[in-house]
Amino acid sequence: MPKWLVTLSGVYFFSCGAPPAARLDCSNLLPADQASFARVATLVTSSSAKGCAACHNTKSPTYGLNLEGPGVAWDAFATKMNLVYPLLATGQMPKGGEKWTDDELRLVRSWYCQGALYDGF
């Protein structure tokens, strides 16, 4: 199968074809003052079982993503949320780690849907 078709199929799944619970939806959000990027960054930049930096770091930037610091994490999450969110919501990421809770998914959704501001630092 041509590489472009594989890519297109992946984009379809993660944007349109993902199960409803895994689609990025801007309903049921936290108030803006409770959804700062500082809170999101704490989850993302961690190397814990729920964090992303264990696999996405400077030594091994899996899929080209380095999520060790708030700046690079903000860039990835603010610009690629349509690809990242379904992976988190379905438990495909963090790979081999602990699935994010509904509250954690609500936090990241709230931050993103309310402007994806680099705030709270």
C-alpha atoms as a PDB file:
ATOM      1  CA  MET A   1       0.000   0.000   0.000  1.00  0.00           C
ATOM      2  CA  PRO A   2       1.427   3.461  -0.869  1.00  0.00           C
ATOM      3  CA  LYS A   3       2.765   5.470   2.067  1.00  0.00           C
ATOM      4  CA  TRP A   4       0.427   8.396   1.328  1.00  0.00           C
ATOM      5  CA  LEU A   5      -2.592   6.081   1.571  1.00  0.00           C
ATOM      6  CA  VAL A   6      -1.456   4.718   4.935  1.00  0.00           C
ATOM      7  CA  THR A   7      -1.032   8.291   6.190  1.00  0.00           C
ATOM      8  CA  LEU A   8      -4.436   9.317   4.872  1.00  0.00           C
ATOM      9  CA  SER A   9      -6.050   6.284   6.518  1.00  0.00           C
ATOM     10  CA  GLY A  10      -4.458   7.195   9.841  1.00  0.00           C
ATOM     11  CA  VAL A  11      -5.659  10.796   9.617  1.00  0.00           C
ATOM     12  CA  TYR A  12      -9.195   9.568   8.857  1.00  0.00           C
ATOM     13  CA  PHE A  13      -9.228   7.204  11.836  1.00  0.00           C
ATOM     14  CA  PHE A  14      -7.915   9.760  14.268  1.00  0.00           C
ATOM     15  CA  SER A  15     -10.088  12.630  13.095  1.00  0.00           C
ATOM     16  CA  CYS A  16     -13.335  11.196  11.714  1.00  0.00           C
ATOM     17  CA  GLY A  17     -13.349   7.466  12.207  1.00  0.00           C
ATOM     18  CA  ALA A  18     -12.216   7.249  15.814  1.00  0.00           C
ATOM     19  CA  PRO A  19     -14.792   5.883  18.242  1.00  0.00           C
ATOM     20  CA  PRO A  20     -16.969   8.729  19.636  1.00  0.00           C
ATOM     21  CA  ALA A  21     -15.375   8.555  23.100  1.00  0.00           C
ATOM     22  CA  ALA A  22     -11.930   8.993  21.538  1.00  0.00           C
ATOM     23  CA  ARG A  23     -12.768  12.013  19.388  1.00  0.00           C
ATOM     24  CA  LEU A  24     -11.684  15.424  20.543  1.00  0.00           C
ATOM     25  CA  ASP A  25     -14.915  17.086  21.636  1.00  0.00           C
ATOM     26  CA  CYS A  26     -15.141  20.540  23.167  1.00  0.00           C
ATOM     27  CA  SER A  27     -18.040  19.791  25.501  1.00  0.00           C
ATOM     28  CA  ASN A  28     -17.956  19.006  29.226  1.00  0.00           C
ATOM     29  CA  LEU A  29     -14.981  21.283  29.876  1.00  0.00           C
ATOM     30  CA  LEU A  30     -13.407  22.511  33.093  1.00  0.00           C
ATOM     31  CA  PRO A  31     -13.572  26.235  33.849  1.00  0.00           C
ATOM     32  CA  ALA A  32     -10.663  28.031  32.155  1.00  0.00           C
ATOM     33  CA  ASP A  33      -8.971  28.855  35.478  1.00  0.00           C
ATOM     34  CA  GLN A  34      -8.722  25.107  36.223  1.00  0.00           C
ATOM     35  CA  ALA A  35      -7.287  24.105  32.849  1.00  0.00           C
ATOM     36  CA  SER A  36      -3.861  25.707  32.664  1.00  0.00           C
ATOM     37  CA  PHE A  37      -1.075  24.344  30.532  1.00  0.00           C
ATOM     38  CA  ALA A  38       1.046  24.043  33.682  1.00  0.00           C
ATOM     39  CA  ARG A  39      -1.306  21.250  34.821  1.00  0.00           C
ATOM     40  CA  VAL A  40      -1.242  19.578  31.392  1.00  0.00           C
ATOM     41  CA  ALA A  41       2.557  19.875  31.200  1.00  0.00           C
ATOM     42  CA  THR A  42       2.923  18.103  34.539  1.00  0.00           C
ATOM     43  CA  LEU A  43       1.290  15.028  32.995  1.00  0.00           C
ATOM     44  CA  VAL A  44       2.932  15.226  29.584  1.00  0.00           C
ATOM     45  CA  THR A  45       6.528  15.946  30.593  1.00  0.00           C
ATOM     46  CA  SER A  46       6.629  13.256  33.251  1.00  0.00           C
ATOM     47  CA  SER A  47       8.538  10.008  32.777  1.00  0.00           C
ATOM     48  CA  SER A  48       6.060   8.216  35.043  1.00  0.00           C
ATOM     49  CA  ALA A  49       3.674   5.472  33.895  1.00  0.00           C
ATOM     50  CA  LYS A  50       1.233   8.158  32.662  1.00  0.00           C
ATOM     51  CA  GLY A  51       3.817  10.547  31.273  1.00  0.00           C
ATOM     52  CA  CYS A  52       4.937  10.939  27.704  1.00  0.00           C
ATOM     53  CA  ALA A  53       8.592  11.839  28.227  1.00  0.00           C
ATOM     54  CA  ALA A  54       9.649   8.258  28.975  1.00  0.00           C
ATOM     55  CA  CYS A  55       9.399   7.480  25.242  1.00  0.00           C
ATOM     56  CA  HIS A  56       9.318  10.955  23.689  1.00  0.00           C
ATOM     57  CA  ASN A  57      12.569  12.570  24.811  1.00  0.00           C
ATOM     58  CA  THR A  58      15.821  14.008  23.472  1.00  0.00           C
ATOM     59  CA  LYS A  59      17.551  10.613  23.437  1.00  0.00           C
ATOM     60  CA  SER A  60      14.723   8.806  21.657  1.00  0.00           C
ATOM     61  CA  PRO A  61      12.218  11.263  20.163  1.00  0.00           C
ATOM     62  CA  THR A  62       9.686   8.613  19.149  1.00  0.00           C
ATOM     63  CA  TYR A  63       7.857   9.783  16.002  1.00  0.00           C
ATOM     64  CA  GLY A  64       9.985  12.923  16.168  1.00  0.00           C
ATOM     65  CA  LEU A  65       8.419  14.122  19.406  1.00  0.00           C
ATOM     66  CA  ASN A  66      10.473  15.293  22.357  1.00  0.00           C
ATOM     67  CA  LEU A  67       8.106  15.965  25.263  1.00  0.00           C
ATOM     68  CA  GLU A  68      10.644  16.443  28.049  1.00  0.00           C
ATOM     69  CA  GLY A  69       9.979  20.138  28.577  1.00  0.00           C
ATOM     70  CA  PRO A  70       6.941  22.403  28.674  1.00  0.00           C
ATOM     71  CA  GLY A  71       7.873  24.336  25.520  1.00  0.00           C
ATOM     72  CA  VAL A  72       8.223  21.319  23.262  1.00  0.00           C
ATOM     73  CA  ALA A  73       5.218  19.634  24.896  1.00  0.00           C
ATOM     74  CA  TRP A  74       3.103  22.730  24.251  1.00  0.00           C
ATOM     75  CA  ASP A  75       4.175  22.785  20.608  1.00  0.00           C
ATOM     76  CA  ALA A  76       3.254  19.126  20.085  1.00  0.00           C
ATOM     77  CA  PHE A  77      -0.051  19.251  21.948  1.00  0.00           C
ATOM     78  CA  ALA A  78      -1.179  22.617  20.569  1.00  0.00           C
ATOM     79  CA  THR A  79      -0.495  21.654  16.957  1.00  0.00           C
ATOM     80  CA  LYS A  80      -1.120  17.891  16.891  1.00  0.00           C
ATOM     81  CA  MET A  81      -3.969  17.439  19.370  1.00  0.00           C
ATOM     82  CA  ASN A  82      -6.222  15.877  16.704  1.00  0.00           C
ATOM     83  CA  LEU A  83      -3.668  13.044  16.471  1.00  0.00           C
ATOM     84  CA  VAL A  84      -2.576  12.869  20.117  1.00  0.00           C
ATOM     85  CA  TYR A  85      -5.953  12.978  21.863  1.00  0.00           C
ATOM     86  CA  PRO A  86      -7.424   9.785  20.331  1.00  0.00           C
ATOM     87  CA  LEU A  87      -4.262   7.879  21.265  1.00  0.00           C
ATOM     88  CA  LEU A  88      -4.587   9.018  24.878  1.00  0.00           C
ATOM     89  CA  ALA A  89      -8.364   8.525  25.014  1.00  0.00           C
ATOM     90  CA  THR A  90      -8.203   4.947  23.695  1.00  0.00           C
ATOM     91  CA  GLY A  91      -5.274   4.016  25.947  1.00  0.00           C
ATOM     92  CA  GLN A  92      -2.916   3.372  23.022  1.00  0.00           C
ATOM     93  CA  MET A  93      -0.619   5.930  24.649  1.00  0.00           C
ATOM     94  CA  PRO A  94       1.311   6.011  26.791  1.00  0.00           C
ATOM     95  CA  LYS A  95       2.475   2.747  25.276  1.00  0.00           C
ATOM     96  CA  GLY A  96       3.029   0.207  28.030  1.00  0.00           C
ATOM     97  CA  GLY A  97       2.013   2.845  30.553  1.00  0.00           C
ATOM     98  CA  GLU A  98      -1.041   3.723  32.562  1.00  0.00           C
ATOM     99  CA  LYS A  99      -4.169   4.934  30.734  1.00  0.00           C
ATOM    100  CA  TRP A 100      -5.154   8.529  31.396  1.00  0.00           C
ATOM    101  CA  THR A 101      -8.273   8.950  33.518  1.00  0.00           C
ATOM    102  CA  ASP A 102     -11.430  10.708  32.328  1.00  0.00           C
ATOM    103  CA  ASP A 103     -10.477  13.675  34.548  1.00  0.00           C
ATOM    104  CA  GLU A 104      -7.021  13.917  32.947  1.00  0.00           C
ATOM    105  CA  LEU A 105      -8.534  13.717  29.465  1.00  0.00           C
ATOM    106  CA  ARG A 106     -11.046  16.413  30.453  1.00  0.00           C
ATOM    107  CA  LEU A 107      -8.171  18.616  31.644  1.00  0.00           C
ATOM    108  CA  VAL A 108      -6.245  18.344  28.369  1.00  0.00           C
ATOM    109  CA  ARG A 109      -9.449  18.795  26.326  1.00  0.00           C
ATOM    110  CA  SER A 110     -10.402  21.856  28.368  1.00  0.00           C
ATOM    111  CA  TRP A 111      -6.999  23.453  27.969  1.00  0.00           C
ATOM    112  CA  TYR A 112      -6.941  22.819  24.226  1.00  0.00           C
ATOM    113  CA  CYS A 113     -10.542  23.843  23.506  1.00  0.00           C
ATOM    114  CA  GLN A 114     -10.149  27.071  25.488  1.00  0.00           C
ATOM    115  CA  GLY A 115      -7.301  28.332  23.359  1.00  0.00           C
ATOM    116  CA  ALA A 116      -4.285  26.087  24.135  1.00  0.00           C
ATOM    117  CA  LEU A 117      -2.580  28.931  25.982  1.00  0.00           C
ATOM    118  CA  TYR A 118       0.959  28.580  27.304  1.00  0.00           C
ATOM    119  CA  ASP A 119       0.007  29.662  30.804  1.00  0.00           C
ATOM    120  CA  GLY A 120       0.499  28.835  34.442  1.00  0.00           C
ATOM    121  CA  PHE A 121       4.292  29.087  34.589  1.00  0.00           C
END
